[in-house]
Amino acid sequence: GEEAAFRALGRAHDESGTGAPVTW
């Protein structure tokens, strides 16, 4: 589940600049 969640967080960063990029 963490993989799906962090990939979504990475996309959120790409789209809005929120948070940070995530590489898995």
PDBML (XML) file of the C-alpha atoms, coordinates in Angstrom:
<?xml version="1.0" encoding="UTF-8" ?>
<PDBx:datablock datablockName="MODEL"
   xmlns:PDBx="http://pdbml.pdb.org/schema/pdbx-v50.xsd"
   xmlns:xsi="http://www.w3.org/2001/XMLSchema-instance"
   xsi:schemaLocation="http://pdbml.pdb.org/schema/pdbx-v50.xsd pdbx-v50.xsd">
   <PDBx:atom_siteCategory>
      <PDBx:atom_site id="1">
         <PDBx:B_iso_or_equiv>0.00</PDBx:B_iso_or_equiv>
         <PDBx:Cartn_x>0.000</PDBx:Cartn_x>
         <PDBx:Cartn_y>0.000</PDBx:Cartn_y>
         <PDBx:Cartn_z>0.000</PDBx:Cartn_z>
         <PDBx:auth_asym_id>A</PDBx:auth_asym_id>
         <PDBx:auth_atom_id>CA</PDBx:auth_atom_id>
         <PDBx:auth_comp_id>GLY</PDBx:auth_comp_id>
         <PDBx:auth_seq_id>1</PDBx:auth_seq_id>
         <PDBx:group_PDB>ATOM</PDBx:group_PDB>
         <PDBx:label_alt_id xsi:nil="true" />
         <PDBx:label_asym_id>A</PDBx:label_asym_id>
         <PDBx:label_atom_id>CA</PDBx:label_atom_id>
         <PDBx:label_comp_id>GLY</PDBx:label_comp_id>
         <PDBx:label_entity_id>1</PDBx:label_entity_id>
         <PDBx:label_seq_id>1</PDBx:label_seq_id>
         <PDBx:occupancy>1.00</PDBx:occupancy>
         <PDBx:pdbx_PDB_model_num>1</PDBx:pdbx_PDB_model_num>
         <PDBx:type_symbol>C</PDBx:type_symbol>
      </PDBx:atom_site>
      <PDBx:atom_site id="2">
         <PDBx:B_iso_or_equiv>0.00</PDBx:B_iso_or_equiv>
         <PDBx:Cartn_x>2.833</PDBx:Cartn_x>
         <PDBx:Cartn_y>2.391</PDBx:Cartn_y>
         <PDBx:Cartn_z>0.731</PDBx:Cartn_z>
         <PDBx:auth_asym_id>A</PDBx:auth_asym_id>
         <PDBx:auth_atom_id>CA</PDBx:auth_atom_id>
         <PDBx:auth_comp_id>GLU</PDBx:auth_comp_id>
         <PDBx:auth_seq_id>2</PDBx:auth_seq_id>
         <PDBx:group_PDB>ATOM</PDBx:group_PDB>
         <PDBx:label_alt_id xsi:nil="true" />
         <PDBx:label_asym_id>A</PDBx:label_asym_id>
         <PDBx:label_atom_id>CA</PDBx:label_atom_id>
         <PDBx:label_comp_id>GLU</PDBx:label_comp_id>
         <PDBx:label_entity_id>1</PDBx:label_entity_id>
         <PDBx:label_seq_id>2</PDBx:label_seq_id>
         <PDBx:occupancy>1.00</PDBx:occupancy>
         <PDBx:pdbx_PDB_model_num>1</PDBx:pdbx_PDB_model_num>
         <PDBx:type_symbol>C</PDBx:type_symbol>
      </PDBx:atom_site>
      <PDBx:atom_site id="3">
         <PDBx:B_iso_or_equiv>0.00</PDBx:B_iso_or_equiv>
         <PDBx:Cartn_x>4.042</PDBx:Cartn_x>
         <PDBx:Cartn_y>2.107</PDBx:Cartn_y>
         <PDBx:Cartn_z>-2.851</PDBx:Cartn_z>
         <PDBx:auth_asym_id>A</PDBx:auth_asym_id>
         <PDBx:auth_atom_id>CA</PDBx:auth_atom_id>
         <PDBx:auth_comp_id>GLU</PDBx:auth_comp_id>
         <PDBx:auth_seq_id>3</PDBx:auth_seq_id>
         <PDBx:group_PDB>ATOM</PDBx:group_PDB>
         <PDBx:label_alt_id xsi:nil="true" />
         <PDBx:label_asym_id>A</PDBx:label_asym_id>
         <PDBx:label_atom_id>CA</PDBx:label_atom_id>
         <PDBx:label_comp_id>GLU</PDBx:label_comp_id>
         <PDBx:label_entity_id>1</PDBx:label_entity_id>
         <PDBx:label_seq_id>3</PDBx:label_seq_id>
         <PDBx:occupancy>1.00</PDBx:occupancy>
         <PDBx:pdbx_PDB_model_num>1</PDBx:pdbx_PDB_model_num>
         <PDBx:type_symbol>C</PDBx:type_symbol>
      </PDBx:atom_site>
      <PDBx:atom_site id="4">
         <PDBx:B_iso_or_equiv>0.00</PDBx:B_iso_or_equiv>
         <PDBx:Cartn_x>0.685</PDBx:Cartn_x>
         <PDBx:Cartn_y>3.220</PDBx:Cartn_y>
         <PDBx:Cartn_z>-4.252</PDBx:Cartn_z>
         <PDBx:auth_asym_id>A</PDBx:auth_asym_id>
         <PDBx:auth_atom_id>CA</PDBx:auth_atom_id>
         <PDBx:auth_comp_id>ALA</PDBx:auth_comp_id>
         <PDBx:auth_seq_id>4</PDBx:auth_seq_id>
         <PDBx:group_PDB>ATOM</PDBx:group_PDB>
         <PDBx:label_alt_id xsi:nil="true" />
         <PDBx:label_asym_id>A</PDBx:label_asym_id>
         <PDBx:label_atom_id>CA</PDBx:label_atom_id>
         <PDBx:label_comp_id>ALA</PDBx:label_comp_id>
         <PDBx:label_entity_id>1</PDBx:label_entity_id>
         <PDBx:label_seq_id>4</PDBx:label_seq_id>
         <PDBx:occupancy>1.00</PDBx:occupancy>
         <PDBx:pdbx_PDB_model_num>1</PDBx:pdbx_PDB_model_num>
         <PDBx:type_symbol>C</PDBx:type_symbol>
      </PDBx:atom_site>
      <PDBx:atom_site id="5">
         <PDBx:B_iso_or_equiv>0.00</PDBx:B_iso_or_equiv>
         <PDBx:Cartn_x>0.452</PDBx:Cartn_x>
         <PDBx:Cartn_y>6.024</PDBx:Cartn_y>
         <PDBx:Cartn_z>-1.710</PDBx:Cartn_z>
         <PDBx:auth_asym_id>A</PDBx:auth_asym_id>
         <PDBx:auth_atom_id>CA</PDBx:auth_atom_id>
         <PDBx:auth_comp_id>ALA</PDBx:auth_comp_id>
         <PDBx:auth_seq_id>5</PDBx:auth_seq_id>
         <PDBx:group_PDB>ATOM</PDBx:group_PDB>
         <PDBx:label_alt_id xsi:nil="true" />
         <PDBx:label_asym_id>A</PDBx:label_asym_id>
         <PDBx:label_atom_id>CA</PDBx:label_atom_id>
         <PDBx:label_comp_id>ALA</PDBx:label_comp_id>
         <PDBx:label_entity_id>1</PDBx:label_entity_id>
         <PDBx:label_seq_id>5</PDBx:label_seq_id>
         <PDBx:occupancy>1.00</PDBx:occupancy>
         <PDBx:pdbx_PDB_model_num>1</PDBx:pdbx_PDB_model_num>
         <PDBx:type_symbol>C</PDBx:type_symbol>
      </PDBx:atom_site>
      <PDBx:atom_site id="6">
         <PDBx:B_iso_or_equiv>0.00</PDBx:B_iso_or_equiv>
         <PDBx:Cartn_x>3.943</PDBx:Cartn_x>
         <PDBx:Cartn_y>7.359</PDBx:Cartn_y>
         <PDBx:Cartn_z>-2.347</PDBx:Cartn_z>
         <PDBx:auth_asym_id>A</PDBx:auth_asym_id>
         <PDBx:auth_atom_id>CA</PDBx:auth_atom_id>
         <PDBx:auth_comp_id>PHE</PDBx:auth_comp_id>
         <PDBx:auth_seq_id>6</PDBx:auth_seq_id>
         <PDBx:group_PDB>ATOM</PDBx:group_PDB>
         <PDBx:label_alt_id xsi:nil="true" />
         <PDBx:label_asym_id>A</PDBx:label_asym_id>
         <PDBx:label_atom_id>CA</PDBx:label_atom_id>
         <PDBx:label_comp_id>PHE</PDBx:label_comp_id>
         <PDBx:label_entity_id>1</PDBx:label_entity_id>
         <PDBx:label_seq_id>6</PDBx:label_seq_id>
         <PDBx:occupancy>1.00</PDBx:occupancy>
         <PDBx:pdbx_PDB_model_num>1</PDBx:pdbx_PDB_model_num>
         <PDBx:type_symbol>C</PDBx:type_symbol>
      </PDBx:atom_site>
      <PDBx:atom_site id="7">
         <PDBx:B_iso_or_equiv>0.00</PDBx:B_iso_or_equiv>
         <PDBx:Cartn_x>3.545</PDBx:Cartn_x>
         <PDBx:Cartn_y>7.154</PDBx:Cartn_y>
         <PDBx:Cartn_z>-6.115</PDBx:Cartn_z>
         <PDBx:auth_asym_id>A</PDBx:auth_asym_id>
         <PDBx:auth_atom_id>CA</PDBx:auth_atom_id>
         <PDBx:auth_comp_id>ARG</PDBx:auth_comp_id>
         <PDBx:auth_seq_id>7</PDBx:auth_seq_id>
         <PDBx:group_PDB>ATOM</PDBx:group_PDB>
         <PDBx:label_alt_id xsi:nil="true" />
         <PDBx:label_asym_id>A</PDBx:label_asym_id>
         <PDBx:label_atom_id>CA</PDBx:label_atom_id>
         <PDBx:label_comp_id>ARG</PDBx:label_comp_id>
         <PDBx:label_entity_id>1</PDBx:label_entity_id>
         <PDBx:label_seq_id>7</PDBx:label_seq_id>
         <PDBx:occupancy>1.00</PDBx:occupancy>
         <PDBx:pdbx_PDB_model_num>1</PDBx:pdbx_PDB_model_num>
         <PDBx:type_symbol>C</PDBx:type_symbol>
      </PDBx:atom_site>
      <PDBx:atom_site id="8">
         <PDBx:B_iso_or_equiv>0.00</PDBx:B_iso_or_equiv>
         <PDBx:Cartn_x>0.411</PDBx:Cartn_x>
         <PDBx:Cartn_y>9.277</PDBx:Cartn_y>
         <PDBx:Cartn_z>-5.696</PDBx:Cartn_z>
         <PDBx:auth_asym_id>A</PDBx:auth_asym_id>
         <PDBx:auth_atom_id>CA</PDBx:auth_atom_id>
         <PDBx:auth_comp_id>ALA</PDBx:auth_comp_id>
         <PDBx:auth_seq_id>8</PDBx:auth_seq_id>
         <PDBx:group_PDB>ATOM</PDBx:group_PDB>
         <PDBx:label_alt_id xsi:nil="true" />
         <PDBx:label_asym_id>A</PDBx:label_asym_id>
         <PDBx:label_atom_id>CA</PDBx:label_atom_id>
         <PDBx:label_comp_id>ALA</PDBx:label_comp_id>
         <PDBx:label_entity_id>1</PDBx:label_entity_id>
         <PDBx:label_seq_id>8</PDBx:label_seq_id>
         <PDBx:occupancy>1.00</PDBx:occupancy>
         <PDBx:pdbx_PDB_model_num>1</PDBx:pdbx_PDB_model_num>
         <PDBx:type_symbol>C</PDBx:type_symbol>
      </PDBx:atom_site>
      <PDBx:atom_site id="9">
         <PDBx:B_iso_or_equiv>0.00</PDBx:B_iso_or_equiv>
         <PDBx:Cartn_x>2.339</PDBx:Cartn_x>
         <PDBx:Cartn_y>11.729</PDBx:Cartn_y>
         <PDBx:Cartn_z>-3.531</PDBx:Cartn_z>
         <PDBx:auth_asym_id>A</PDBx:auth_asym_id>
         <PDBx:auth_atom_id>CA</PDBx:auth_atom_id>
         <PDBx:auth_comp_id>LEU</PDBx:auth_comp_id>
         <PDBx:auth_seq_id>9</PDBx:auth_seq_id>
         <PDBx:group_PDB>ATOM</PDBx:group_PDB>
         <PDBx:label_alt_id xsi:nil="true" />
         <PDBx:label_asym_id>A</PDBx:label_asym_id>
         <PDBx:label_atom_id>CA</PDBx:label_atom_id>
         <PDBx:label_comp_id>LEU</PDBx:label_comp_id>
         <PDBx:label_entity_id>1</PDBx:label_entity_id>
         <PDBx:label_seq_id>9</PDBx:label_seq_id>
         <PDBx:occupancy>1.00</PDBx:occupancy>
         <PDBx:pdbx_PDB_model_num>1</PDBx:pdbx_PDB_model_num>
         <PDBx:type_symbol>C</PDBx:type_symbol>
      </PDBx:atom_site>
      <PDBx:atom_site id="10">
         <PDBx:B_iso_or_equiv>0.00</PDBx:B_iso_or_equiv>
         <PDBx:Cartn_x>5.025</PDBx:Cartn_x>
         <PDBx:Cartn_y>11.914</PDBx:Cartn_y>
         <PDBx:Cartn_z>-6.201</PDBx:Cartn_z>
         <PDBx:auth_asym_id>A</PDBx:auth_asym_id>
         <PDBx:auth_atom_id>CA</PDBx:auth_atom_id>
         <PDBx:auth_comp_id>GLY</PDBx:auth_comp_id>
         <PDBx:auth_seq_id>10</PDBx:auth_seq_id>
         <PDBx:group_PDB>ATOM</PDBx:group_PDB>
         <PDBx:label_alt_id xsi:nil="true" />
         <PDBx:label_asym_id>A</PDBx:label_asym_id>
         <PDBx:label_atom_id>CA</PDBx:label_atom_id>
         <PDBx:label_comp_id>GLY</PDBx:label_comp_id>
         <PDBx:label_entity_id>1</PDBx:label_entity_id>
         <PDBx:label_seq_id>10</PDBx:label_seq_id>
         <PDBx:occupancy>1.00</PDBx:occupancy>
         <PDBx:pdbx_PDB_model_num>1</PDBx:pdbx_PDB_model_num>
         <PDBx:type_symbol>C</PDBx:type_symbol>
      </PDBx:atom_site>
      <PDBx:atom_site id="11">
         <PDBx:B_iso_or_equiv>0.00</PDBx:B_iso_or_equiv>
         <PDBx:Cartn_x>2.370</PDBx:Cartn_x>
         <PDBx:Cartn_y>12.724</PDBx:Cartn_y>
         <PDBx:Cartn_z>-8.822</PDBx:Cartn_z>
         <PDBx:auth_asym_id>A</PDBx:auth_asym_id>
         <PDBx:auth_atom_id>CA</PDBx:auth_atom_id>
         <PDBx:auth_comp_id>ARG</PDBx:auth_comp_id>
         <PDBx:auth_seq_id>11</PDBx:auth_seq_id>
         <PDBx:group_PDB>ATOM</PDBx:group_PDB>
         <PDBx:label_alt_id xsi:nil="true" />
         <PDBx:label_asym_id>A</PDBx:label_asym_id>
         <PDBx:label_atom_id>CA</PDBx:label_atom_id>
         <PDBx:label_comp_id>ARG</PDBx:label_comp_id>
         <PDBx:label_entity_id>1</PDBx:label_entity_id>
         <PDBx:label_seq_id>11</PDBx:label_seq_id>
         <PDBx:occupancy>1.00</PDBx:occupancy>
         <PDBx:pdbx_PDB_model_num>1</PDBx:pdbx_PDB_model_num>
         <PDBx:type_symbol>C</PDBx:type_symbol>
      </PDBx:atom_site>
      <PDBx:atom_site id="12">
         <PDBx:B_iso_or_equiv>0.00</PDBx:B_iso_or_equiv>
         <PDBx:Cartn_x>0.918</PDBx:Cartn_x>
         <PDBx:Cartn_y>15.371</PDBx:Cartn_y>
         <PDBx:Cartn_z>-6.513</PDBx:Cartn_z>
         <PDBx:auth_asym_id>A</PDBx:auth_asym_id>
         <PDBx:auth_atom_id>CA</PDBx:auth_atom_id>
         <PDBx:auth_comp_id>ALA</PDBx:auth_comp_id>
         <PDBx:auth_seq_id>12</PDBx:auth_seq_id>
         <PDBx:group_PDB>ATOM</PDBx:group_PDB>
         <PDBx:label_alt_id xsi:nil="true" />
         <PDBx:label_asym_id>A</PDBx:label_asym_id>
         <PDBx:label_atom_id>CA</PDBx:label_atom_id>
         <PDBx:label_comp_id>ALA</PDBx:label_comp_id>
         <PDBx:label_entity_id>1</PDBx:label_entity_id>
         <PDBx:label_seq_id>12</PDBx:label_seq_id>
         <PDBx:occupancy>1.00</PDBx:occupancy>
         <PDBx:pdbx_PDB_model_num>1</PDBx:pdbx_PDB_model_num>
         <PDBx:type_symbol>C</PDBx:type_symbol>
      </PDBx:atom_site>
      <PDBx:atom_site id="13">
         <PDBx:B_iso_or_equiv>0.00</PDBx:B_iso_or_equiv>
         <PDBx:Cartn_x>4.315</PDBx:Cartn_x>
         <PDBx:Cartn_y>17.007</PDBx:Cartn_y>
         <PDBx:Cartn_z>-6.396</PDBx:Cartn_z>
         <PDBx:auth_asym_id>A</PDBx:auth_asym_id>
         <PDBx:auth_atom_id>CA</PDBx:auth_atom_id>
         <PDBx:auth_comp_id>HIS</PDBx:auth_comp_id>
         <PDBx:auth_seq_id>13</PDBx:auth_seq_id>
         <PDBx:group_PDB>ATOM</PDBx:group_PDB>
         <PDBx:label_alt_id xsi:nil="true" />
         <PDBx:label_asym_id>A</PDBx:label_asym_id>
         <PDBx:label_atom_id>CA</PDBx:label_atom_id>
         <PDBx:label_comp_id>HIS</PDBx:label_comp_id>
         <PDBx:label_entity_id>1</PDBx:label_entity_id>
         <PDBx:label_seq_id>13</PDBx:label_seq_id>
         <PDBx:occupancy>1.00</PDBx:occupancy>
         <PDBx:pdbx_PDB_model_num>1</PDBx:pdbx_PDB_model_num>
         <PDBx:type_symbol>C</PDBx:type_symbol>
      </PDBx:atom_site>
      <PDBx:atom_site id="14">
         <PDBx:B_iso_or_equiv>0.00</PDBx:B_iso_or_equiv>
         <PDBx:Cartn_x>4.665</PDBx:Cartn_x>
         <PDBx:Cartn_y>16.866</PDBx:Cartn_y>
         <PDBx:Cartn_z>-10.183</PDBx:Cartn_z>
         <PDBx:auth_asym_id>A</PDBx:auth_asym_id>
         <PDBx:auth_atom_id>CA</PDBx:auth_atom_id>
         <PDBx:auth_comp_id>ASP</PDBx:auth_comp_id>
         <PDBx:auth_seq_id>14</PDBx:auth_seq_id>
         <PDBx:group_PDB>ATOM</PDBx:group_PDB>
         <PDBx:label_alt_id xsi:nil="true" />
         <PDBx:label_asym_id>A</PDBx:label_asym_id>
         <PDBx:label_atom_id>CA</PDBx:label_atom_id>
         <PDBx:label_comp_id>ASP</PDBx:label_comp_id>
         <PDBx:label_entity_id>1</PDBx:label_entity_id>
         <PDBx:label_seq_id>14</PDBx:label_seq_id>
         <PDBx:occupancy>1.00</PDBx:occupancy>
         <PDBx:pdbx_PDB_model_num>1</PDBx:pdbx_PDB_model_num>
         <PDBx:type_symbol>C</PDBx:type_symbol>
      </PDBx:atom_site>
      <PDBx:atom_site id="15">
         <PDBx:B_iso_or_equiv>0.00</PDBx:B_iso_or_equiv>
         <PDBx:Cartn_x>1.235</PDBx:Cartn_x>
         <PDBx:Cartn_y>18.431</PDBx:Cartn_y>
         <PDBx:Cartn_z>-10.664</PDBx:Cartn_z>
         <PDBx:auth_asym_id>A</PDBx:auth_asym_id>
         <PDBx:auth_atom_id>CA</PDBx:auth_atom_id>
         <PDBx:auth_comp_id>GLU</PDBx:auth_comp_id>
         <PDBx:auth_seq_id>15</PDBx:auth_seq_id>
         <PDBx:group_PDB>ATOM</PDBx:group_PDB>
         <PDBx:label_alt_id xsi:nil="true" />
         <PDBx:label_asym_id>A</PDBx:label_asym_id>
         <PDBx:label_atom_id>CA</PDBx:label_atom_id>
         <PDBx:label_comp_id>GLU</PDBx:label_comp_id>
         <PDBx:label_entity_id>1</PDBx:label_entity_id>
         <PDBx:label_seq_id>15</PDBx:label_seq_id>
         <PDBx:occupancy>1.00</PDBx:occupancy>
         <PDBx:pdbx_PDB_model_num>1</PDBx:pdbx_PDB_model_num>
         <PDBx:type_symbol>C</PDBx:type_symbol>
      </PDBx:atom_site>
      <PDBx:atom_site id="16">
         <PDBx:B_iso_or_equiv>0.00</PDBx:B_iso_or_equiv>
         <PDBx:Cartn_x>1.138</PDBx:Cartn_x>
         <PDBx:Cartn_y>21.064</PDBx:Cartn_y>
         <PDBx:Cartn_z>-7.933</PDBx:Cartn_z>
         <PDBx:auth_asym_id>A</PDBx:auth_asym_id>
         <PDBx:auth_atom_id>CA</PDBx:auth_atom_id>
         <PDBx:auth_comp_id>SER</PDBx:auth_comp_id>
         <PDBx:auth_seq_id>16</PDBx:auth_seq_id>
         <PDBx:group_PDB>ATOM</PDBx:group_PDB>
         <PDBx:label_alt_id xsi:nil="true" />
         <PDBx:label_asym_id>A</PDBx:label_asym_id>
         <PDBx:label_atom_id>CA</PDBx:label_atom_id>
         <PDBx:label_comp_id>SER</PDBx:label_comp_id>
         <PDBx:label_entity_id>1</PDBx:label_entity_id>
         <PDBx:label_seq_id>16</PDBx:label_seq_id>
         <PDBx:occupancy>1.00</PDBx:occupancy>
         <PDBx:pdbx_PDB_model_num>1</PDBx:pdbx_PDB_model_num>
         <PDBx:type_symbol>C</PDBx:type_symbol>
      </PDBx:atom_site>
      <PDBx:atom_site id="17">
         <PDBx:B_iso_or_equiv>0.00</PDBx:B_iso_or_equiv>
         <PDBx:Cartn_x>4.610</PDBx:Cartn_x>
         <PDBx:Cartn_y>21.361</PDBx:Cartn_y>
         <PDBx:Cartn_z>-6.439</PDBx:Cartn_z>
         <PDBx:auth_asym_id>A</PDBx:auth_asym_id>
         <PDBx:auth_atom_id>CA</PDBx:auth_atom_id>
         <PDBx:auth_comp_id>GLY</PDBx:auth_comp_id>
         <PDBx:auth_seq_id>17</PDBx:auth_seq_id>
         <PDBx:group_PDB>ATOM</PDBx:group_PDB>
         <PDBx:label_alt_id xsi:nil="true" />
         <PDBx:label_asym_id>A</PDBx:label_asym_id>
         <PDBx:label_atom_id>CA</PDBx:label_atom_id>
         <PDBx:label_comp_id>GLY</PDBx:label_comp_id>
         <PDBx:label_entity_id>1</PDBx:label_entity_id>
         <PDBx:label_seq_id>17</PDBx:label_seq_id>
         <PDBx:occupancy>1.00</PDBx:occupancy>
         <PDBx:pdbx_PDB_model_num>1</PDBx:pdbx_PDB_model_num>
         <PDBx:type_symbol>C</PDBx:type_symbol>
      </PDBx:atom_site>
      <PDBx:atom_site id="18">
         <PDBx:B_iso_or_equiv>0.00</PDBx:B_iso_or_equiv>
         <PDBx:Cartn_x>3.323</PDBx:Cartn_x>
         <PDBx:Cartn_y>20.063</PDBx:Cartn_y>
         <PDBx:Cartn_z>-3.106</PDBx:Cartn_z>
         <PDBx:auth_asym_id>A</PDBx:auth_asym_id>
         <PDBx:auth_atom_id>CA</PDBx:auth_atom_id>
         <PDBx:auth_comp_id>THR</PDBx:auth_comp_id>
         <PDBx:auth_seq_id>18</PDBx:auth_seq_id>
         <PDBx:group_PDB>ATOM</PDBx:group_PDB>
         <PDBx:label_alt_id xsi:nil="true" />
         <PDBx:label_asym_id>A</PDBx:label_asym_id>
         <PDBx:label_atom_id>CA</PDBx:label_atom_id>
         <PDBx:label_comp_id>THR</PDBx:label_comp_id>
         <PDBx:label_entity_id>1</PDBx:label_entity_id>
         <PDBx:label_seq_id>18</PDBx:label_seq_id>
         <PDBx:occupancy>1.00</PDBx:occupancy>
         <PDBx:pdbx_PDB_model_num>1</PDBx:pdbx_PDB_model_num>
         <PDBx:type_symbol>C</PDBx:type_symbol>
      </PDBx:atom_site>
      <PDBx:atom_site id="19">
         <PDBx:B_iso_or_equiv>0.00</PDBx:B_iso_or_equiv>
         <PDBx:Cartn_x>5.712</PDBx:Cartn_x>
         <PDBx:Cartn_y>18.037</PDBx:Cartn_y>
         <PDBx:Cartn_z>-0.979</PDBx:Cartn_z>
         <PDBx:auth_asym_id>A</PDBx:auth_asym_id>
         <PDBx:auth_atom_id>CA</PDBx:auth_atom_id>
         <PDBx:auth_comp_id>GLY</PDBx:auth_comp_id>
         <PDBx:auth_seq_id>19</PDBx:auth_seq_id>
         <PDBx:group_PDB>ATOM</PDBx:group_PDB>
         <PDBx:label_alt_id xsi:nil="true" />
         <PDBx:label_asym_id>A</PDBx:label_asym_id>
         <PDBx:label_atom_id>CA</PDBx:label_atom_id>
         <PDBx:label_comp_id>GLY</PDBx:label_comp_id>
         <PDBx:label_entity_id>1</PDBx:label_entity_id>
         <PDBx:label_seq_id>19</PDBx:label_seq_id>
         <PDBx:occupancy>1.00</PDBx:occupancy>
         <PDBx:pdbx_PDB_model_num>1</PDBx:pdbx_PDB_model_num>
         <PDBx:type_symbol>C</PDBx:type_symbol>
      </PDBx:atom_site>
      <PDBx:atom_site id="20">
         <PDBx:B_iso_or_equiv>0.00</PDBx:B_iso_or_equiv>
         <PDBx:Cartn_x>8.600</PDBx:Cartn_x>
         <PDBx:Cartn_y>16.437</PDBx:Cartn_y>
         <PDBx:Cartn_z>-2.842</PDBx:Cartn_z>
         <PDBx:auth_asym_id>A</PDBx:auth_asym_id>
         <PDBx:auth_atom_id>CA</PDBx:auth_atom_id>
         <PDBx:auth_comp_id>ALA</PDBx:auth_comp_id>
         <PDBx:auth_seq_id>20</PDBx:auth_seq_id>
         <PDBx:group_PDB>ATOM</PDBx:group_PDB>
         <PDBx:label_alt_id xsi:nil="true" />
         <PDBx:label_asym_id>A</PDBx:label_asym_id>
         <PDBx:label_atom_id>CA</PDBx:label_atom_id>
         <PDBx:label_comp_id>ALA</PDBx:label_comp_id>
         <PDBx:label_entity_id>1</PDBx:label_entity_id>
         <PDBx:label_seq_id>20</PDBx:label_seq_id>
         <PDBx:occupancy>1.00</PDBx:occupancy>
         <PDBx:pdbx_PDB_model_num>1</PDBx:pdbx_PDB_model_num>
         <PDBx:type_symbol>C</PDBx:type_symbol>
      </PDBx:atom_site>
      <PDBx:atom_site id="21">
         <PDBx:B_iso_or_equiv>0.00</PDBx:B_iso_or_equiv>
         <PDBx:Cartn_x>9.378</PDBx:Cartn_x>
         <PDBx:Cartn_y>14.088</PDBx:Cartn_y>
         <PDBx:Cartn_z>-5.746</PDBx:Cartn_z>
         <PDBx:auth_asym_id>A</PDBx:auth_asym_id>
         <PDBx:auth_atom_id>CA</PDBx:auth_atom_id>
         <PDBx:auth_comp_id>PRO</PDBx:auth_comp_id>
         <PDBx:auth_seq_id>21</PDBx:auth_seq_id>
         <PDBx:group_PDB>ATOM</PDBx:group_PDB>
         <PDBx:label_alt_id xsi:nil="true" />
         <PDBx:label_asym_id>A</PDBx:label_asym_id>
         <PDBx:label_atom_id>CA</PDBx:label_atom_id>
         <PDBx:label_comp_id>PRO</PDBx:label_comp_id>
         <PDBx:label_entity_id>1</PDBx:label_entity_id>
         <PDBx:label_seq_id>21</PDBx:label_seq_id>
         <PDBx:occupancy>1.00</PDBx:occupancy>
         <PDBx:pdbx_PDB_model_num>1</PDBx:pdbx_PDB_model_num>
         <PDBx:type_symbol>C</PDBx:type_symbol>
      </PDBx:atom_site>
      <PDBx:atom_site id="22">
         <PDBx:B_iso_or_equiv>0.00</PDBx:B_iso_or_equiv>
         <PDBx:Cartn_x>9.332</PDBx:Cartn_x>
         <PDBx:Cartn_y>10.352</PDBx:Cartn_y>
         <PDBx:Cartn_z>-4.974</PDBx:Cartn_z>
         <PDBx:auth_asym_id>A</PDBx:auth_asym_id>
         <PDBx:auth_atom_id>CA</PDBx:auth_atom_id>
         <PDBx:auth_comp_id>VAL</PDBx:auth_comp_id>
         <PDBx:auth_seq_id>22</PDBx:auth_seq_id>
         <PDBx:group_PDB>ATOM</PDBx:group_PDB>
         <PDBx:label_alt_id xsi:nil="true" />
         <PDBx:label_asym_id>A</PDBx:label_asym_id>
         <PDBx:label_atom_id>CA</PDBx:label_atom_id>
         <PDBx:label_comp_id>VAL</PDBx:label_comp_id>
         <PDBx:label_entity_id>1</PDBx:label_entity_id>
         <PDBx:label_seq_id>22</PDBx:label_seq_id>
         <PDBx:occupancy>1.00</PDBx:occupancy>
         <PDBx:pdbx_PDB_model_num>1</PDBx:pdbx_PDB_model_num>
         <PDBx:type_symbol>C</PDBx:type_symbol>
      </PDBx:atom_site>
      <PDBx:atom_site id="23">
         <PDBx:B_iso_or_equiv>0.00</PDBx:B_iso_or_equiv>
         <PDBx:Cartn_x>11.338</PDBx:Cartn_x>
         <PDBx:Cartn_y>7.680</PDBx:Cartn_y>
         <PDBx:Cartn_z>-6.811</PDBx:Cartn_z>
         <PDBx:auth_asym_id>A</PDBx:auth_asym_id>
         <PDBx:auth_atom_id>CA</PDBx:auth_atom_id>
         <PDBx:auth_comp_id>THR</PDBx:auth_comp_id>
         <PDBx:auth_seq_id>23</PDBx:auth_seq_id>
         <PDBx:group_PDB>ATOM</PDBx:group_PDB>
         <PDBx:label_alt_id xsi:nil="true" />
         <PDBx:label_asym_id>A</PDBx:label_asym_id>
         <PDBx:label_atom_id>CA</PDBx:label_atom_id>
         <PDBx:label_comp_id>THR</PDBx:label_comp_id>
         <PDBx:label_entity_id>1</PDBx:label_entity_id>
         <PDBx:label_seq_id>23</PDBx:label_seq_id>
         <PDBx:occupancy>1.00</PDBx:occupancy>
         <PDBx:pdbx_PDB_model_num>1</PDBx:pdbx_PDB_model_num>
         <PDBx:type_symbol>C</PDBx:type_symbol>
      </PDBx:atom_site>
      <PDBx:atom_site id="24">
         <PDBx:B_iso_or_equiv>0.00</PDBx:B_iso_or_equiv>
         <PDBx:Cartn_x>10.482</PDBx:Cartn_x>
         <PDBx:Cartn_y>4.014</PDBx:Cartn_y>
         <PDBx:Cartn_z>-6.156</PDBx:Cartn_z>
         <PDBx:auth_asym_id>A</PDBx:auth_asym_id>
         <PDBx:auth_atom_id>CA</PDBx:auth_atom_id>
         <PDBx:auth_comp_id>TRP</PDBx:auth_comp_id>
         <PDBx:auth_seq_id>24</PDBx:auth_seq_id>
         <PDBx:group_PDB>ATOM</PDBx:group_PDB>
         <PDBx:label_alt_id xsi:nil="true" />
         <PDBx:label_asym_id>A</PDBx:label_asym_id>
         <PDBx:label_atom_id>CA</PDBx:label_atom_id>
         <PDBx:label_comp_id>TRP</PDBx:label_comp_id>
         <PDBx:label_entity_id>1</PDBx:label_entity_id>
         <PDBx:label_seq_id>24</PDBx:label_seq_id>
         <PDBx:occupancy>1.00</PDBx:occupancy>
         <PDBx:pdbx_PDB_model_num>1</PDBx:pdbx_PDB_model_num>
         <PDBx:type_symbol>C</PDBx:type_symbol>
      </PDBx:atom_site>
   </PDBx:atom_siteCategory>
</PDBx:datablock>
